[in-house]
């Protein structure tokens, strides 16, 4: 009987300690990077080693004909300053479609349903006929 009581007291004392060790689940997002040659895009696929969360898409543009979408952990990477493409991630295709249809065609948007069940709208950060936006200083 003493062993059962001791085990019960020990279980009650250890439960808050175990609960304190639980961490937040990893959240993922998608990022877009562009390539100027097929060799660059193919190298990204080779380095992905069959990862289903790396996707290469044609953009139809002459200056950056290939777009690479990668699923990454949120907050784990910074985008290069000169990257012309951006990526908006949505939980539903309906939300992504609304965003896609509201965009100006000069942004060359691409709508894609991803393997993790989310929807992505990848597009040019700015239209070709606009002056470059200044990034905020840090």
Protein backbone atom coordinates (compact mmCIF):
# COMPACT_ATOMS: atom_id res chain seq x y z
CA UNK A 1 0.00 0.00 0.00
CA UNK A 2 2.88 2.36 0.80
CA UNK A 3 4.37 1.72 -2.63
CA UNK A 4 1.13 2.64 -4.39
CA UNK A 5 0.83 5.85 -2.38
CA UNK A 6 4.47 6.73 -3.05
CA UNK A 7 4.00 6.11 -6.77
CA UNK A 8 0.88 8.29 -6.82
CA UNK A 9 2.69 11.14 -5.02
CA UNK A 10 5.66 10.81 -7.37
CA UNK A 11 3.38 10.88 -10.43
CA UNK A 12 1.65 14.04 -9.20
CA UNK A 13 4.99 15.77 -8.53
CA UNK A 14 6.50 14.83 -11.90
CA UNK A 15 3.51 15.79 -14.05
CA UNK A 16 4.14 19.60 -13.96
CA UNK A 17 7.84 19.02 -14.67
CA UNK A 18 7.03 16.88 -17.69
CA UNK A 19 4.46 19.40 -18.93
CA UNK A 20 7.04 22.20 -18.67
CA UNK A 21 9.34 20.33 -21.08
CA UNK A 22 6.78 20.25 -23.89
CA UNK A 23 7.78 22.65 -26.62
CA UNK A 24 5.76 24.38 -29.27
CA UNK A 25 5.39 22.38 -32.49
CA UNK A 26 7.53 23.42 -35.43
CA UNK A 27 5.64 25.64 -37.85
CA UNK A 28 6.52 25.57 -41.51
CA UNK A 29 6.18 28.06 -44.31
CA UNK A 30 7.22 28.17 -47.96
CA UNK A 31 9.90 30.36 -49.53
CA UNK A 32 10.58 31.15 -53.16
CA UNK A 33 13.96 31.59 -54.81
CA UNK A 34 14.58 31.98 -58.50
CA UNK A 35 17.21 30.64 -60.88
CA UNK A 36 18.58 32.04 -64.11
CA UNK A 37 19.46 28.64 -65.61
CA UNK A 38 18.10 25.12 -65.64
CA UNK A 39 21.40 23.93 -64.14
CA UNK A 40 20.70 26.02 -61.04
CA UNK A 41 17.17 24.61 -60.72
CA UNK A 42 18.33 21.04 -61.35
CA UNK A 43 21.04 21.43 -58.72
CA UNK A 44 18.37 22.47 -56.20
CA UNK A 45 16.44 19.29 -57.00
CA UNK A 46 19.56 17.15 -56.69
CA UNK A 47 20.44 18.74 -53.33
CA UNK A 48 16.85 18.14 -52.14
CA UNK A 49 17.52 14.40 -52.54
CA UNK A 50 13.89 13.53 -53.30
CA UNK A 51 12.36 15.82 -50.68
CA UNK A 52 8.71 16.27 -51.64
CA UNK A 53 8.78 19.77 -50.17
CA UNK A 54 11.08 21.15 -52.87
CA UNK A 55 9.28 22.11 -56.08
CA UNK A 56 10.69 23.64 -59.28
CA UNK A 57 8.33 25.62 -61.51
CA UNK A 58 8.82 27.44 -64.82
CA UNK A 59 8.04 31.16 -64.58
CA UNK A 60 7.76 31.97 -68.29
CA UNK A 61 10.20 34.86 -67.83
CA UNK A 62 13.48 35.30 -69.69
CA UNK A 63 15.50 36.83 -66.84
CA UNK A 64 14.51 34.27 -64.14
CA UNK A 65 12.93 31.28 -65.91
CA UNK A 66 12.88 28.91 -62.90
CA UNK A 67 11.30 29.26 -59.46
CA UNK A 68 12.18 26.97 -56.56
CA UNK A 69 9.69 26.58 -53.72
CA UNK A 70 10.99 25.07 -50.47
CA UNK A 71 9.15 24.31 -47.24
CA UNK A 72 11.21 25.62 -44.34
CA UNK A 73 10.84 26.18 -40.62
CA UNK A 74 9.41 29.61 -39.87
CA UNK A 75 12.09 32.10 -38.91
CA UNK A 76 14.95 29.84 -39.98
CA UNK A 77 16.26 31.68 -43.04
CA UNK A 78 16.67 35.16 -44.46
CA UNK A 79 15.94 35.89 -48.11
CA UNK A 80 18.62 37.43 -50.33
CA UNK A 81 18.19 41.16 -50.88
CA UNK A 82 18.11 40.84 -54.67
CA UNK A 83 15.46 38.07 -54.87
CA UNK A 84 12.69 39.33 -57.19
CA UNK A 85 10.11 36.69 -56.19
CA UNK A 86 8.06 36.46 -53.03
CA UNK A 87 5.74 33.79 -51.69
CA UNK A 88 2.45 34.13 -49.78
CA UNK A 89 1.20 31.03 -47.96
CA UNK A 90 -2.48 30.34 -47.24
CA UNK A 91 -4.23 27.59 -45.31
CA UNK A 92 -6.99 27.22 -47.91
CA UNK A 93 -7.13 27.34 -51.68
CA UNK A 94 -10.09 29.73 -51.44
CA UNK A 95 -7.98 32.33 -49.61
CA UNK A 96 -5.09 31.84 -52.05
CA UNK A 97 -7.40 32.19 -55.04
CA UNK A 98 -8.82 35.44 -53.67
CA UNK A 99 -5.30 36.82 -53.25
CA UNK A 100 -4.30 35.56 -56.71
CA UNK A 101 -7.26 37.15 -58.50
CA UNK A 102 -6.74 40.47 -56.70
CA UNK A 103 -3.12 40.74 -57.89
CA UNK A 104 -2.07 42.83 -60.87
CA UNK A 105 -0.96 40.66 -63.81
CA UNK A 106 2.41 42.41 -64.00
CA UNK A 107 3.41 40.53 -60.82
CA UNK A 108 3.25 37.26 -62.83
CA UNK A 109 1.54 35.33 -60.01
CA UNK A 110 1.62 31.53 -59.79
CA UNK A 111 -0.97 29.64 -57.72
CA UNK A 112 -0.02 26.22 -56.38
CA UNK A 113 -1.48 23.70 -53.96
CA UNK A 114 1.44 22.21 -52.00
CA UNK A 115 1.98 18.64 -50.71
CA UNK A 116 1.38 19.72 -47.10
CA UNK A 117 -2.18 20.81 -47.95
CA UNK A 118 -1.55 24.53 -48.00
CA UNK A 119 -1.78 26.90 -50.96
CA UNK A 120 0.98 29.21 -52.21
CA UNK A 121 0.87 32.30 -54.39
CA UNK A 122 4.35 33.05 -55.71
CA UNK A 123 4.83 36.33 -57.56
CA UNK A 124 7.25 39.08 -58.43
CA UNK A 125 7.84 41.38 -55.50
CA UNK A 126 7.33 44.40 -57.74
CA UNK A 127 6.27 44.99 -61.32
CA UNK A 128 8.98 45.51 -63.91
CA UNK A 129 7.79 49.04 -64.67
CA UNK A 130 8.01 50.19 -61.03
CA UNK A 131 11.04 51.70 -59.34
CA UNK A 132 12.73 49.36 -56.83
CA UNK A 133 11.38 49.62 -53.29
CA UNK A 134 13.82 50.58 -50.59
CA UNK A 135 14.13 47.98 -47.83
CA UNK A 136 13.74 49.19 -44.28
CA UNK A 137 16.99 49.78 -42.47
CA UNK A 138 17.64 47.62 -39.46
